[in-house]
N, C-alpha and C. Protein backbone atom coordinates (compact mmCIF):
# COMPACT_ATOMS: atom_id res chain seq x y z
N MET A 1 13.28 -8.76 3.32
CA MET A 1 12.55 -7.64 3.90
C MET A 1 11.81 -8.08 5.17
N ALA A 2 11.21 -9.28 5.10
CA ALA A 2 10.50 -9.78 6.27
C ALA A 2 11.45 -9.98 7.46
N LYS A 3 12.64 -10.50 7.16
CA LYS A 3 13.62 -10.70 8.23
C LYS A 3 14.07 -9.36 8.81
N ALA A 4 14.25 -8.37 7.97
CA ALA A 4 14.65 -7.04 8.46
C ALA A 4 13.57 -6.45 9.36
N ARG A 5 12.29 -6.56 8.93
CA ARG A 5 11.20 -6.04 9.76
C ARG A 5 11.16 -6.75 11.11
N GLU A 6 11.31 -8.08 11.08
CA GLU A 6 11.26 -8.87 12.30
C GLU A 6 12.41 -8.51 13.24
N HIS A 7 13.60 -8.42 12.68
CA HIS A 7 14.79 -8.19 13.50
C HIS A 7 14.78 -6.79 14.13
N PHE A 8 14.39 -5.80 13.36
CA PHE A 8 14.45 -4.42 13.87
C PHE A 8 13.18 -4.02 14.62
N ALA A 9 12.18 -4.90 14.64
CA ALA A 9 11.01 -4.64 15.48
C ALA A 9 11.26 -5.04 16.93
N ASP A 10 12.29 -5.85 17.16
CA ASP A 10 12.63 -6.32 18.49
C ASP A 10 13.62 -5.34 19.13
N ASP A 11 13.14 -4.57 20.11
CA ASP A 11 14.00 -3.55 20.74
C ASP A 11 15.19 -4.18 21.47
N GLY A 12 15.06 -5.44 21.83
CA GLY A 12 16.13 -6.08 22.58
C GLY A 12 17.15 -6.78 21.71
N ALA A 13 16.94 -6.81 20.42
CA ALA A 13 17.85 -7.50 19.53
C ALA A 13 19.12 -6.65 19.28
N GLY A 14 20.27 -7.33 19.27
CA GLY A 14 21.50 -6.63 18.96
C GLY A 14 21.68 -6.46 17.46
N HIS A 15 22.29 -5.37 17.05
CA HIS A 15 22.49 -5.09 15.62
C HIS A 15 23.99 -4.98 15.34
N GLU A 16 24.45 -5.74 14.34
CA GLU A 16 25.85 -5.75 13.97
C GLU A 16 26.12 -4.74 12.86
N ARG A 17 27.06 -3.86 13.10
CA ARG A 17 27.36 -2.83 12.12
C ARG A 17 28.19 -3.39 10.96
N ILE A 18 27.97 -2.84 9.75
CA ILE A 18 28.84 -3.13 8.60
C ILE A 18 30.02 -2.18 8.71
N ARG A 19 31.16 -2.66 9.18
CA ARG A 19 32.26 -1.80 9.55
C ARG A 19 33.04 -1.25 8.36
N SER A 20 32.86 -1.84 7.20
CA SER A 20 33.56 -1.33 6.03
C SER A 20 32.94 -0.02 5.52
N ILE A 21 31.77 0.34 6.02
CA ILE A 21 31.11 1.60 5.66
C ILE A 21 31.25 2.56 6.83
N ASP A 22 31.89 3.70 6.59
CA ASP A 22 32.19 4.60 7.70
C ASP A 22 31.52 5.96 7.61
N ASP A 23 30.78 6.24 6.54
CA ASP A 23 30.12 7.56 6.47
C ASP A 23 28.71 7.52 7.05
N GLU A 24 28.13 6.35 7.15
CA GLU A 24 26.82 6.17 7.77
C GLU A 24 26.85 4.87 8.59
N MET A 25 25.90 4.77 9.52
CA MET A 25 25.78 3.56 10.31
C MET A 25 24.83 2.61 9.57
N LEU A 26 25.38 1.57 8.96
CA LEU A 26 24.60 0.53 8.31
C LEU A 26 24.73 -0.75 9.13
N PHE A 27 23.61 -1.46 9.28
CA PHE A 27 23.60 -2.67 10.09
C PHE A 27 23.27 -3.89 9.22
N LYS A 28 23.80 -5.02 9.65
CA LYS A 28 23.61 -6.26 8.92
C LYS A 28 22.26 -6.90 9.25
N VAL A 29 21.65 -7.51 8.24
CA VAL A 29 20.51 -8.40 8.44
C VAL A 29 20.77 -9.63 7.58
N LYS A 30 20.53 -10.81 8.14
CA LYS A 30 20.92 -12.05 7.47
C LYS A 30 19.76 -13.05 7.48
N VAL A 31 19.56 -13.70 6.33
CA VAL A 31 18.63 -14.82 6.26
C VAL A 31 19.12 -15.75 5.15
N GLN A 32 19.46 -16.99 5.55
CA GLN A 32 20.07 -17.97 4.65
C GLN A 32 21.30 -17.31 3.97
N ARG A 33 21.37 -17.30 2.64
CA ARG A 33 22.52 -16.69 1.97
C ARG A 33 22.31 -15.21 1.68
N TRP A 34 21.14 -14.70 1.98
CA TRP A 34 20.88 -13.28 1.71
C TRP A 34 21.44 -12.41 2.81
N ARG A 35 21.96 -11.26 2.41
CA ARG A 35 22.48 -10.26 3.33
C ARG A 35 21.89 -8.90 2.96
N GLY A 36 21.64 -8.09 3.98
CA GLY A 36 21.08 -6.78 3.73
C GLY A 36 21.78 -5.72 4.55
N ALA A 37 21.63 -4.47 4.15
CA ALA A 37 22.16 -3.33 4.89
C ALA A 37 20.99 -2.47 5.30
N VAL A 38 20.87 -2.22 6.62
CA VAL A 38 19.76 -1.44 7.17
C VAL A 38 20.27 -0.15 7.76
N TRP A 39 19.61 0.95 7.38
CA TRP A 39 19.92 2.27 7.92
C TRP A 39 18.69 2.73 8.70
N THR A 40 18.91 3.30 9.88
CA THR A 40 17.78 3.72 10.72
C THR A 40 17.69 5.24 10.74
N ASP A 41 16.46 5.71 10.66
CA ASP A 41 16.16 7.13 10.68
C ASP A 41 15.11 7.38 11.74
N GLU A 42 15.53 7.93 12.89
CA GLU A 42 14.62 8.16 14.01
C GLU A 42 13.86 6.88 14.37
N ASP A 43 14.61 5.80 14.52
CA ASP A 43 14.09 4.49 14.91
C ASP A 43 13.29 3.80 13.81
N LEU A 44 13.22 4.39 12.63
CA LEU A 44 12.54 3.75 11.51
C LEU A 44 13.60 3.08 10.64
N PRO A 45 13.59 1.74 10.54
CA PRO A 45 14.64 1.04 9.76
C PRO A 45 14.30 1.02 8.27
N TRP A 46 15.31 1.26 7.46
CA TRP A 46 15.18 1.20 6.00
C TRP A 46 16.17 0.17 5.47
N LEU A 47 15.69 -0.81 4.71
CA LEU A 47 16.58 -1.75 4.04
C LEU A 47 17.04 -1.06 2.76
N VAL A 48 18.32 -0.66 2.73
CA VAL A 48 18.81 0.20 1.63
C VAL A 48 19.60 -0.57 0.57
N ALA A 49 20.02 -1.79 0.88
CA ALA A 49 20.76 -2.60 -0.10
C ALA A 49 20.67 -4.06 0.32
N ALA A 50 20.78 -4.95 -0.67
CA ALA A 50 20.71 -6.38 -0.36
C ALA A 50 21.43 -7.17 -1.44
N GLY A 51 21.89 -8.35 -1.10
CA GLY A 51 22.56 -9.23 -2.04
C GLY A 51 22.87 -10.56 -1.38
N GLN A 52 23.66 -11.40 -2.03
CA GLN A 52 23.96 -12.71 -1.49
C GLN A 52 25.39 -12.78 -0.97
N ARG A 53 25.57 -13.60 0.06
CA ARG A 53 26.88 -13.81 0.65
C ARG A 53 27.66 -14.80 -0.21
N GLU A 54 28.86 -14.38 -0.67
CA GLU A 54 29.73 -15.23 -1.51
C GLU A 54 31.15 -15.08 -0.97
N ASP A 55 31.48 -15.89 0.04
CA ASP A 55 32.79 -15.77 0.69
C ASP A 55 33.94 -15.83 -0.32
N GLY A 56 34.84 -14.83 -0.24
CA GLY A 56 36.02 -14.82 -1.09
C GLY A 56 35.81 -14.36 -2.50
N SER A 57 34.58 -14.00 -2.86
CA SER A 57 34.27 -13.55 -4.22
C SER A 57 34.06 -12.05 -4.24
N PRO A 58 34.49 -11.39 -5.32
CA PRO A 58 34.21 -9.95 -5.45
C PRO A 58 32.72 -9.66 -5.56
N ASP A 59 31.92 -10.70 -5.87
CA ASP A 59 30.47 -10.53 -5.96
C ASP A 59 29.79 -10.65 -4.61
N ASP A 60 30.58 -10.99 -3.57
CA ASP A 60 30.02 -11.05 -2.21
C ASP A 60 29.35 -9.72 -1.89
N PHE A 61 28.20 -9.78 -1.25
CA PHE A 61 27.44 -8.55 -1.00
C PHE A 61 28.26 -7.49 -0.26
N TYR A 62 28.90 -7.88 0.83
CA TYR A 62 29.64 -6.90 1.63
C TYR A 62 30.82 -6.32 0.85
N SER A 63 31.51 -7.17 0.09
CA SER A 63 32.62 -6.69 -0.72
C SER A 63 32.15 -5.73 -1.80
N ALA A 64 31.06 -6.11 -2.48
CA ALA A 64 30.52 -5.26 -3.54
C ALA A 64 30.00 -3.95 -2.98
N LEU A 65 29.38 -3.99 -1.79
CA LEU A 65 28.90 -2.77 -1.17
C LEU A 65 30.04 -1.83 -0.85
N GLU A 66 31.12 -2.36 -0.29
CA GLU A 66 32.27 -1.52 0.03
C GLU A 66 32.88 -0.93 -1.25
N THR A 67 33.04 -1.75 -2.28
CA THR A 67 33.63 -1.26 -3.54
C THR A 67 32.78 -0.13 -4.13
N THR A 68 31.48 -0.34 -4.15
CA THR A 68 30.57 0.68 -4.68
C THR A 68 30.63 1.96 -3.87
N ALA A 69 30.67 1.82 -2.54
CA ALA A 69 30.70 2.97 -1.65
C ALA A 69 32.01 3.75 -1.77
N ARG A 70 33.12 3.07 -1.98
CA ARG A 70 34.41 3.74 -2.18
C ARG A 70 34.42 4.49 -3.52
N ALA A 71 33.86 3.86 -4.55
CA ALA A 71 33.80 4.53 -5.85
C ALA A 71 32.89 5.76 -5.77
N ALA A 72 31.78 5.64 -5.05
CA ALA A 72 30.85 6.77 -4.90
C ALA A 72 31.52 7.92 -4.15
N ARG A 73 32.36 7.58 -3.15
CA ARG A 73 33.07 8.61 -2.41
C ARG A 73 34.05 9.35 -3.33
N ALA A 74 34.76 8.59 -4.17
CA ALA A 74 35.71 9.20 -5.10
C ALA A 74 34.98 10.10 -6.10
N ASN A 75 33.84 9.65 -6.57
CA ASN A 75 33.06 10.45 -7.52
C ASN A 75 32.52 11.71 -6.84
N TYR A 76 32.06 11.57 -5.60
CA TYR A 76 31.56 12.72 -4.86
C TYR A 76 32.67 13.77 -4.69
N ASN A 77 33.82 13.34 -4.29
CA ASN A 77 34.93 14.27 -4.07
C ASN A 77 35.39 14.95 -5.36
N ALA A 78 35.23 14.23 -6.47
CA ALA A 78 35.64 14.81 -7.75
C ALA A 78 34.67 15.87 -8.24
N ASN A 79 33.48 15.87 -7.70
CA ASN A 79 32.45 16.78 -8.19
C ASN A 79 31.96 17.79 -7.14
N ASN A 80 32.57 17.82 -5.98
CA ASN A 80 32.15 18.74 -4.94
C ASN A 80 33.35 19.45 -4.33
N ARG A 81 33.17 20.74 -4.02
CA ARG A 81 34.28 21.53 -3.47
C ARG A 81 34.70 21.02 -2.08
N GLN A 82 33.71 20.63 -1.28
CA GLN A 82 34.02 20.16 0.06
C GLN A 82 34.13 18.66 0.04
N PRO A 83 35.34 18.10 0.07
CA PRO A 83 35.50 16.65 -0.03
C PRO A 83 35.09 15.93 1.24
N LEU A 84 34.74 14.67 1.09
CA LEU A 84 34.41 13.83 2.22
C LEU A 84 35.68 13.34 2.88
N SER A 85 35.68 13.31 4.20
CA SER A 85 36.85 12.79 4.92
C SER A 85 36.75 11.30 5.18
N THR A 86 35.59 10.74 4.89
CA THR A 86 35.39 9.31 5.07
C THR A 86 35.95 8.53 3.90
N THR A 87 36.02 7.23 4.05
CA THR A 87 36.52 6.39 2.94
C THR A 87 35.39 5.87 2.06
N THR A 88 34.16 6.01 2.51
CA THR A 88 33.02 5.53 1.73
C THR A 88 31.94 6.60 1.66
N TYR A 89 30.99 6.42 0.72
CA TYR A 89 29.84 7.30 0.59
C TYR A 89 28.64 6.46 0.15
N VAL A 90 27.59 6.43 0.99
CA VAL A 90 26.39 5.64 0.68
C VAL A 90 25.13 6.52 0.66
N GLY A 91 25.33 7.83 0.53
CA GLY A 91 24.18 8.73 0.55
C GLY A 91 23.16 8.43 -0.52
N HIS A 92 23.63 7.93 -1.67
CA HIS A 92 22.69 7.64 -2.77
C HIS A 92 21.83 6.42 -2.47
N PHE A 93 22.19 5.61 -1.46
CA PHE A 93 21.37 4.47 -1.07
C PHE A 93 20.25 4.87 -0.11
N LEU A 94 20.39 5.98 0.55
CA LEU A 94 19.47 6.35 1.63
C LEU A 94 18.14 6.88 1.08
N PRO A 95 17.07 6.75 1.86
CA PRO A 95 15.76 7.23 1.40
C PRO A 95 15.72 8.72 1.20
N ASP A 96 14.99 9.18 0.17
CA ASP A 96 14.81 10.59 -0.08
C ASP A 96 13.36 10.95 0.25
N GLN A 97 12.95 12.16 -0.09
CA GLN A 97 11.60 12.59 0.27
C GLN A 97 10.53 11.76 -0.43
N ASN A 98 10.80 11.32 -1.65
CA ASN A 98 9.83 10.47 -2.34
C ASN A 98 9.62 9.16 -1.59
N ASP A 99 10.69 8.59 -1.07
CA ASP A 99 10.59 7.36 -0.27
C ASP A 99 9.78 7.60 1.00
N ARG A 100 10.05 8.72 1.65
CA ARG A 100 9.32 9.02 2.90
C ARG A 100 7.85 9.27 2.62
N ASP A 101 7.55 9.96 1.52
CA ASP A 101 6.14 10.20 1.15
C ASP A 101 5.44 8.88 0.85
N ARG A 102 6.13 7.99 0.14
CA ARG A 102 5.53 6.70 -0.17
C ARG A 102 5.29 5.90 1.09
N TYR A 103 6.23 5.95 2.02
CA TYR A 103 6.05 5.24 3.29
C TYR A 103 4.81 5.73 4.01
N GLN A 104 4.62 7.07 4.04
CA GLN A 104 3.44 7.61 4.71
C GLN A 104 2.15 7.17 4.02
N LEU A 105 2.17 7.17 2.69
CA LEU A 105 0.97 6.72 1.95
C LEU A 105 0.67 5.26 2.23
N GLU A 106 1.71 4.43 2.24
CA GLU A 106 1.52 3.01 2.51
C GLU A 106 1.08 2.76 3.95
N ALA A 107 1.61 3.56 4.87
CA ALA A 107 1.19 3.44 6.26
C ALA A 107 -0.29 3.81 6.40
N GLY A 108 -0.72 4.84 5.68
CA GLY A 108 -2.13 5.22 5.69
C GLY A 108 -3.01 4.13 5.12
N ALA A 109 -2.56 3.50 4.03
CA ALA A 109 -3.34 2.42 3.42
C ALA A 109 -3.44 1.22 4.36
N ARG A 110 -2.33 0.92 5.07
CA ARG A 110 -2.37 -0.19 6.03
C ARG A 110 -3.33 0.11 7.16
N LEU A 111 -3.34 1.37 7.63
CA LEU A 111 -4.24 1.72 8.72
C LEU A 111 -5.70 1.56 8.30
N VAL A 112 -6.03 2.02 7.09
CA VAL A 112 -7.42 1.89 6.61
C VAL A 112 -7.80 0.43 6.49
N ARG A 113 -6.87 -0.40 5.97
CA ARG A 113 -7.14 -1.84 5.85
C ARG A 113 -7.36 -2.48 7.22
N ASP A 114 -6.50 -2.12 8.19
CA ASP A 114 -6.63 -2.68 9.54
C ASP A 114 -7.92 -2.21 10.21
N LEU A 115 -8.27 -0.93 9.99
CA LEU A 115 -9.51 -0.41 10.56
C LEU A 115 -10.73 -1.13 9.99
N ALA A 116 -10.74 -1.35 8.68
CA ALA A 116 -11.88 -2.03 8.04
C ALA A 116 -12.07 -3.42 8.63
N ALA A 117 -10.97 -4.15 8.83
CA ALA A 117 -11.06 -5.49 9.40
C ALA A 117 -11.53 -5.43 10.86
N ALA A 118 -10.99 -4.46 11.61
CA ALA A 118 -11.37 -4.34 13.03
C ALA A 118 -12.84 -3.97 13.18
N VAL A 119 -13.31 -3.03 12.35
CA VAL A 119 -14.71 -2.60 12.43
C VAL A 119 -15.64 -3.78 12.18
N ARG A 120 -15.32 -4.59 11.18
CA ARG A 120 -16.16 -5.75 10.88
C ARG A 120 -16.15 -6.76 12.03
N ASP A 121 -14.96 -7.03 12.56
CA ASP A 121 -14.85 -7.99 13.66
C ASP A 121 -15.57 -7.50 14.91
N LEU A 122 -15.41 -6.22 15.25
CA LEU A 122 -16.07 -5.67 16.43
C LEU A 122 -17.59 -5.68 16.27
N THR A 123 -18.05 -5.34 15.07
CA THR A 123 -19.49 -5.35 14.81
C THR A 123 -20.06 -6.75 14.95
N ARG A 124 -19.40 -7.71 14.37
CA ARG A 124 -19.88 -9.10 14.46
C ARG A 124 -19.85 -9.59 15.92
N GLY A 125 -18.80 -9.24 16.66
CA GLY A 125 -18.71 -9.65 18.05
C GLY A 125 -19.85 -9.07 18.88
N SER A 126 -20.15 -7.78 18.65
CA SER A 126 -21.24 -7.15 19.42
C SER A 126 -22.60 -7.70 19.03
N LEU A 127 -22.77 -8.07 17.76
CA LEU A 127 -24.03 -8.69 17.34
C LEU A 127 -24.28 -10.01 18.08
N HIS A 128 -23.21 -10.72 18.39
CA HIS A 128 -23.35 -12.01 19.05
C HIS A 128 -23.82 -11.89 20.49
N ASP A 129 -23.31 -10.86 21.22
CA ASP A 129 -23.64 -10.81 22.64
C ASP A 129 -24.32 -9.53 23.11
N GLY A 130 -24.48 -8.53 22.24
CA GLY A 130 -25.14 -7.31 22.64
C GLY A 130 -24.32 -6.38 23.49
N HIS A 131 -23.04 -6.68 23.67
CA HIS A 131 -22.13 -5.84 24.46
C HIS A 131 -21.18 -5.08 23.54
N GLU A 132 -20.64 -3.99 24.05
CA GLU A 132 -19.66 -3.25 23.27
C GLU A 132 -18.37 -4.06 23.13
N HIS A 133 -17.81 -4.06 21.92
CA HIS A 133 -16.50 -4.67 21.67
C HIS A 133 -15.56 -3.56 21.24
N ALA A 134 -14.33 -3.61 21.70
CA ALA A 134 -13.38 -2.50 21.48
C ALA A 134 -12.01 -3.01 21.07
N ALA A 135 -11.27 -2.13 20.41
CA ALA A 135 -9.89 -2.43 19.99
C ALA A 135 -9.08 -1.14 20.13
N ASP A 136 -7.79 -1.30 20.46
CA ASP A 136 -6.89 -0.17 20.64
C ASP A 136 -6.06 0.07 19.38
N PHE A 137 -5.95 1.34 18.99
CA PHE A 137 -5.07 1.78 17.91
C PHE A 137 -4.08 2.77 18.52
N PRO A 138 -3.02 3.13 17.79
CA PRO A 138 -1.96 3.95 18.40
C PRO A 138 -2.43 5.21 19.11
N ALA A 139 -3.41 5.93 18.57
CA ALA A 139 -3.81 7.21 19.17
C ALA A 139 -5.24 7.21 19.71
N PHE A 140 -5.95 6.11 19.56
CA PHE A 140 -7.34 6.11 19.99
C PHE A 140 -7.83 4.69 20.26
N ARG A 141 -8.98 4.61 20.93
CA ARG A 141 -9.63 3.33 21.20
C ARG A 141 -10.98 3.35 20.50
N LEU A 142 -11.28 2.29 19.78
CA LEU A 142 -12.51 2.18 19.00
C LEU A 142 -13.43 1.16 19.61
N GLY A 143 -14.66 1.54 19.87
CA GLY A 143 -15.66 0.61 20.40
C GLY A 143 -16.89 0.60 19.53
N ILE A 144 -17.51 -0.57 19.36
CA ILE A 144 -18.75 -0.69 18.59
C ILE A 144 -19.76 -1.49 19.39
N LEU A 145 -20.97 -0.97 19.43
CA LEU A 145 -22.07 -1.61 20.15
C LEU A 145 -23.23 -1.80 19.17
N VAL A 146 -23.72 -3.02 19.06
CA VAL A 146 -24.87 -3.33 18.21
C VAL A 146 -25.88 -4.10 19.04
N ARG A 147 -27.13 -3.63 19.03
CA ARG A 147 -28.19 -4.31 19.73
C ARG A 147 -29.31 -4.62 18.76
N ALA A 148 -29.58 -5.89 18.59
CA ALA A 148 -30.59 -6.33 17.64
C ALA A 148 -31.71 -7.04 18.39
N ASP A 149 -32.93 -6.83 17.94
CA ASP A 149 -34.10 -7.49 18.51
C ASP A 149 -34.94 -8.02 17.36
N ASP A 150 -35.23 -9.31 17.36
CA ASP A 150 -35.99 -9.91 16.25
C ASP A 150 -37.25 -9.14 15.96
N GLY A 151 -37.41 -8.75 14.71
CA GLY A 151 -38.62 -8.04 14.29
C GLY A 151 -38.58 -6.57 14.56
N HIS A 152 -37.48 -6.07 15.15
CA HIS A 152 -37.38 -4.65 15.47
C HIS A 152 -36.11 -4.07 14.85
N GLU A 153 -35.95 -2.76 15.02
CA GLU A 153 -34.80 -2.09 14.43
C GLU A 153 -33.51 -2.51 15.16
N THR A 154 -32.42 -2.49 14.42
CA THR A 154 -31.12 -2.85 14.97
C THR A 154 -30.32 -1.58 15.22
N TYR A 155 -29.99 -1.35 16.47
CA TYR A 155 -29.26 -0.14 16.89
C TYR A 155 -27.76 -0.38 16.79
N ALA A 156 -27.03 0.59 16.24
CA ALA A 156 -25.58 0.50 16.15
C ALA A 156 -24.96 1.81 16.66
N ALA A 157 -23.91 1.68 17.44
CA ALA A 157 -23.21 2.86 17.94
C ALA A 157 -21.70 2.66 17.82
N VAL A 158 -21.01 3.74 17.49
CA VAL A 158 -19.54 3.75 17.41
C VAL A 158 -19.03 4.73 18.45
N ARG A 159 -18.08 4.27 19.26
CA ARG A 159 -17.46 5.13 20.27
C ARG A 159 -15.97 5.24 20.00
N ILE A 160 -15.43 6.44 20.07
CA ILE A 160 -14.01 6.67 19.89
C ILE A 160 -13.48 7.47 21.09
N THR A 161 -12.43 6.95 21.70
CA THR A 161 -11.77 7.63 22.80
C THR A 161 -10.37 8.02 22.37
N GLY A 162 -10.04 9.29 22.47
CA GLY A 162 -8.70 9.74 22.09
C GLY A 162 -8.75 10.71 20.91
N SER A 163 -7.56 11.04 20.42
CA SER A 163 -7.43 12.02 19.34
C SER A 163 -7.47 11.32 17.99
N ILE A 164 -8.37 11.79 17.11
CA ILE A 164 -8.53 11.19 15.81
C ILE A 164 -9.04 12.23 14.82
N PRO A 165 -8.46 12.35 13.63
CA PRO A 165 -8.92 13.35 12.65
C PRO A 165 -10.29 13.01 12.09
N ASP A 166 -10.99 14.04 11.62
CA ASP A 166 -12.35 13.85 11.12
C ASP A 166 -12.41 12.91 9.93
N ASP A 167 -11.40 12.95 9.04
CA ASP A 167 -11.46 12.09 7.88
C ASP A 167 -11.35 10.61 8.26
N LEU A 168 -10.62 10.32 9.35
CA LEU A 168 -10.52 8.94 9.81
C LEU A 168 -11.83 8.49 10.46
N ILE A 169 -12.50 9.41 11.14
CA ILE A 169 -13.82 9.10 11.70
C ILE A 169 -14.78 8.71 10.57
N ALA A 170 -14.75 9.48 9.49
CA ALA A 170 -15.63 9.20 8.35
C ALA A 170 -15.32 7.82 7.76
N ILE A 171 -14.04 7.46 7.69
CA ILE A 171 -13.68 6.14 7.17
C ILE A 171 -14.24 5.03 8.06
N ILE A 172 -14.14 5.20 9.37
CA ILE A 172 -14.66 4.20 10.30
C ILE A 172 -16.18 4.04 10.15
N LEU A 173 -16.90 5.17 10.12
CA LEU A 173 -18.36 5.10 10.02
C LEU A 173 -18.80 4.47 8.69
N ARG A 174 -18.05 4.70 7.63
CA ARG A 174 -18.38 4.11 6.33
C ARG A 174 -18.17 2.60 6.31
N ARG A 175 -17.31 2.11 7.22
CA ARG A 175 -16.96 0.70 7.20
C ARG A 175 -17.90 -0.17 8.05
N VAL A 176 -18.80 0.43 8.81
CA VAL A 176 -19.71 -0.40 9.63
C VAL A 176 -20.74 -1.06 8.72
N PRO A 177 -20.79 -2.39 8.70
CA PRO A 177 -21.68 -3.08 7.74
C PRO A 177 -23.16 -2.75 7.99
N GLY A 178 -23.90 -2.62 6.89
CA GLY A 178 -25.34 -2.46 6.98
C GLY A 178 -25.83 -1.12 7.46
N CYS A 179 -24.94 -0.10 7.49
CA CYS A 179 -25.31 1.22 7.98
C CYS A 179 -25.12 2.26 6.88
N ASN A 180 -26.07 3.17 6.76
CA ASN A 180 -25.98 4.26 5.80
C ASN A 180 -24.93 5.26 6.28
N PRO A 181 -23.85 5.48 5.53
CA PRO A 181 -22.79 6.38 5.98
C PRO A 181 -23.27 7.80 6.26
N ALA A 182 -24.38 8.20 5.62
CA ALA A 182 -24.90 9.56 5.82
C ALA A 182 -25.91 9.65 6.96
N ALA A 183 -26.20 8.54 7.65
CA ALA A 183 -27.26 8.51 8.64
C ALA A 183 -26.76 8.41 10.08
N TRP A 184 -25.46 8.63 10.29
CA TRP A 184 -24.92 8.61 11.65
C TRP A 184 -25.20 9.95 12.34
N TYR A 185 -25.58 9.89 13.62
CA TYR A 185 -25.88 11.10 14.38
C TYR A 185 -25.00 11.14 15.63
N PRO A 186 -24.47 12.32 15.98
CA PRO A 186 -23.68 12.43 17.22
C PRO A 186 -24.53 12.08 18.43
N GLU A 187 -23.91 11.42 19.40
CA GLU A 187 -24.60 11.03 20.62
C GLU A 187 -23.93 11.71 21.83
N TYR A 188 -24.70 11.91 22.86
CA TYR A 188 -24.18 12.45 24.11
C TYR A 188 -24.16 11.40 25.20
N ALA A 189 -24.66 10.20 24.86
CA ALA A 189 -24.68 9.12 25.84
C ALA A 189 -24.82 7.80 25.08
N LEU A 190 -24.31 6.75 25.69
CA LEU A 190 -24.53 5.40 25.20
C LEU A 190 -25.74 4.83 25.92
N PRO A 191 -26.30 3.73 25.49
CA PRO A 191 -27.53 3.22 26.12
C PRO A 191 -27.43 3.02 27.63
N SER A 192 -26.23 2.66 28.13
CA SER A 192 -26.13 2.34 29.55
C SER A 192 -25.37 3.39 30.37
N ARG A 193 -24.84 4.44 29.70
CA ARG A 193 -24.07 5.44 30.45
C ARG A 193 -23.85 6.69 29.61
N SER A 194 -23.45 7.76 30.32
CA SER A 194 -23.08 8.99 29.63
C SER A 194 -21.65 8.88 29.11
N LEU A 195 -21.33 9.75 28.14
CA LEU A 195 -19.97 9.75 27.60
C LEU A 195 -19.00 10.44 28.54
N LEU A 196 -17.77 9.96 28.56
CA LEU A 196 -16.72 10.60 29.32
C LEU A 196 -16.14 11.77 28.50
N PRO A 197 -15.42 12.70 29.14
CA PRO A 197 -14.93 13.89 28.42
C PRO A 197 -14.09 13.56 27.18
N ALA A 198 -13.33 12.47 27.17
CA ALA A 198 -12.46 12.17 26.03
C ALA A 198 -13.14 11.33 24.97
N GLU A 199 -14.43 11.06 25.13
CA GLU A 199 -15.14 10.16 24.22
C GLU A 199 -16.01 10.92 23.23
N GLN A 200 -16.14 10.32 22.02
CA GLN A 200 -17.12 10.76 21.02
C GLN A 200 -17.92 9.54 20.62
N ALA A 201 -19.18 9.76 20.25
CA ALA A 201 -20.00 8.60 19.86
C ALA A 201 -21.01 9.03 18.79
N TRP A 202 -21.39 8.08 17.96
CA TRP A 202 -22.38 8.26 16.91
C TRP A 202 -23.27 7.02 16.87
N SER A 203 -24.53 7.21 16.47
CA SER A 203 -25.43 6.06 16.39
C SER A 203 -26.25 6.14 15.12
N THR A 204 -26.79 4.99 14.73
CA THR A 204 -27.69 4.89 13.58
C THR A 204 -28.41 3.57 13.66
N LEU A 205 -29.21 3.28 12.63
CA LEU A 205 -29.89 1.98 12.56
C LEU A 205 -29.22 1.13 11.51
N MET A 206 -29.06 -0.13 11.83
CA MET A 206 -28.42 -1.08 10.92
C MET A 206 -29.49 -1.89 10.19
N ASP A 207 -29.25 -2.17 8.94
CA ASP A 207 -30.15 -3.02 8.16
C ASP A 207 -30.19 -4.41 8.80
N PRO A 208 -31.35 -4.88 9.26
CA PRO A 208 -31.42 -6.20 9.91
C PRO A 208 -30.94 -7.34 9.02
N LYS A 209 -31.14 -7.22 7.70
CA LYS A 209 -30.67 -8.27 6.80
C LYS A 209 -29.15 -8.32 6.76
N ALA A 210 -28.53 -7.14 6.76
CA ALA A 210 -27.07 -7.09 6.80
C ALA A 210 -26.55 -7.66 8.11
N ALA A 211 -27.27 -7.37 9.21
CA ALA A 211 -26.87 -7.90 10.51
C ALA A 211 -26.93 -9.43 10.52
N ALA A 212 -27.99 -9.98 9.95
CA ALA A 212 -28.14 -11.43 9.87
C ALA A 212 -27.04 -12.07 9.03
N GLU A 213 -26.70 -11.42 7.90
CA GLU A 213 -25.65 -11.94 7.04
C GLU A 213 -24.30 -11.92 7.76
N LEU A 214 -24.06 -10.85 8.53
CA LEU A 214 -22.81 -10.75 9.26
C LEU A 214 -22.69 -11.85 10.31
N LEU A 215 -23.78 -12.13 10.99
CA LEU A 215 -23.79 -13.19 11.99
C LEU A 215 -23.53 -14.55 11.36
N ASN A 216 -24.06 -14.74 10.16
CA ASN A 216 -23.93 -16.04 9.49
C ASN A 216 -22.55 -16.27 8.88
N GLU A 217 -21.68 -15.23 8.89
CA GLU A 217 -20.34 -15.40 8.36
C GLU A 217 -19.54 -16.42 9.15
N ASP A 218 -19.86 -16.59 10.42
CA ASP A 218 -19.14 -17.56 11.23
C ASP A 218 -19.54 -18.98 10.86
């Protein structure tokens, strides 16, 4: 799976088709003795089958895939009025709606995980130098500014540029260390400038003890 992700993430990489399958475009992915079949859906690659290379053996992945696909085609034609004109059928290998739903859920979980790590890193970076630290995500840019003064309150601000749903904003604000999730207030300006039309910002006070603990993580 890792090899498939790596290979199909490279737009410049060539992909070799599995020519024994003619009803769908399946591409080869290889690592050591493992072989896989990848089907792409709107540039999203799906690893739909895998096995080991065994030259000259009926258990060879490519041979077994072709045999299975030919049998599936025969079974399909026996049970459907409109027969397939191809010699193979791999429709049962392809992702269905449950697979697509699961992919979306997993993608959402990955985004939340990546956001949590980025929020912590940006907060810690800003605590070190008092400047805003920012990171880019596919549809928006996230910036965090923390200003701490010994013996005084610690100011924290979150800036978002771009399109982002409200529930994702709430997730970001909840992930800022040492801040009460219910105590964020919308801002119309950052300490050193006004907001631009595409920007949103919120501010609150950070627990100084949490700020100190975050700094000491390094």
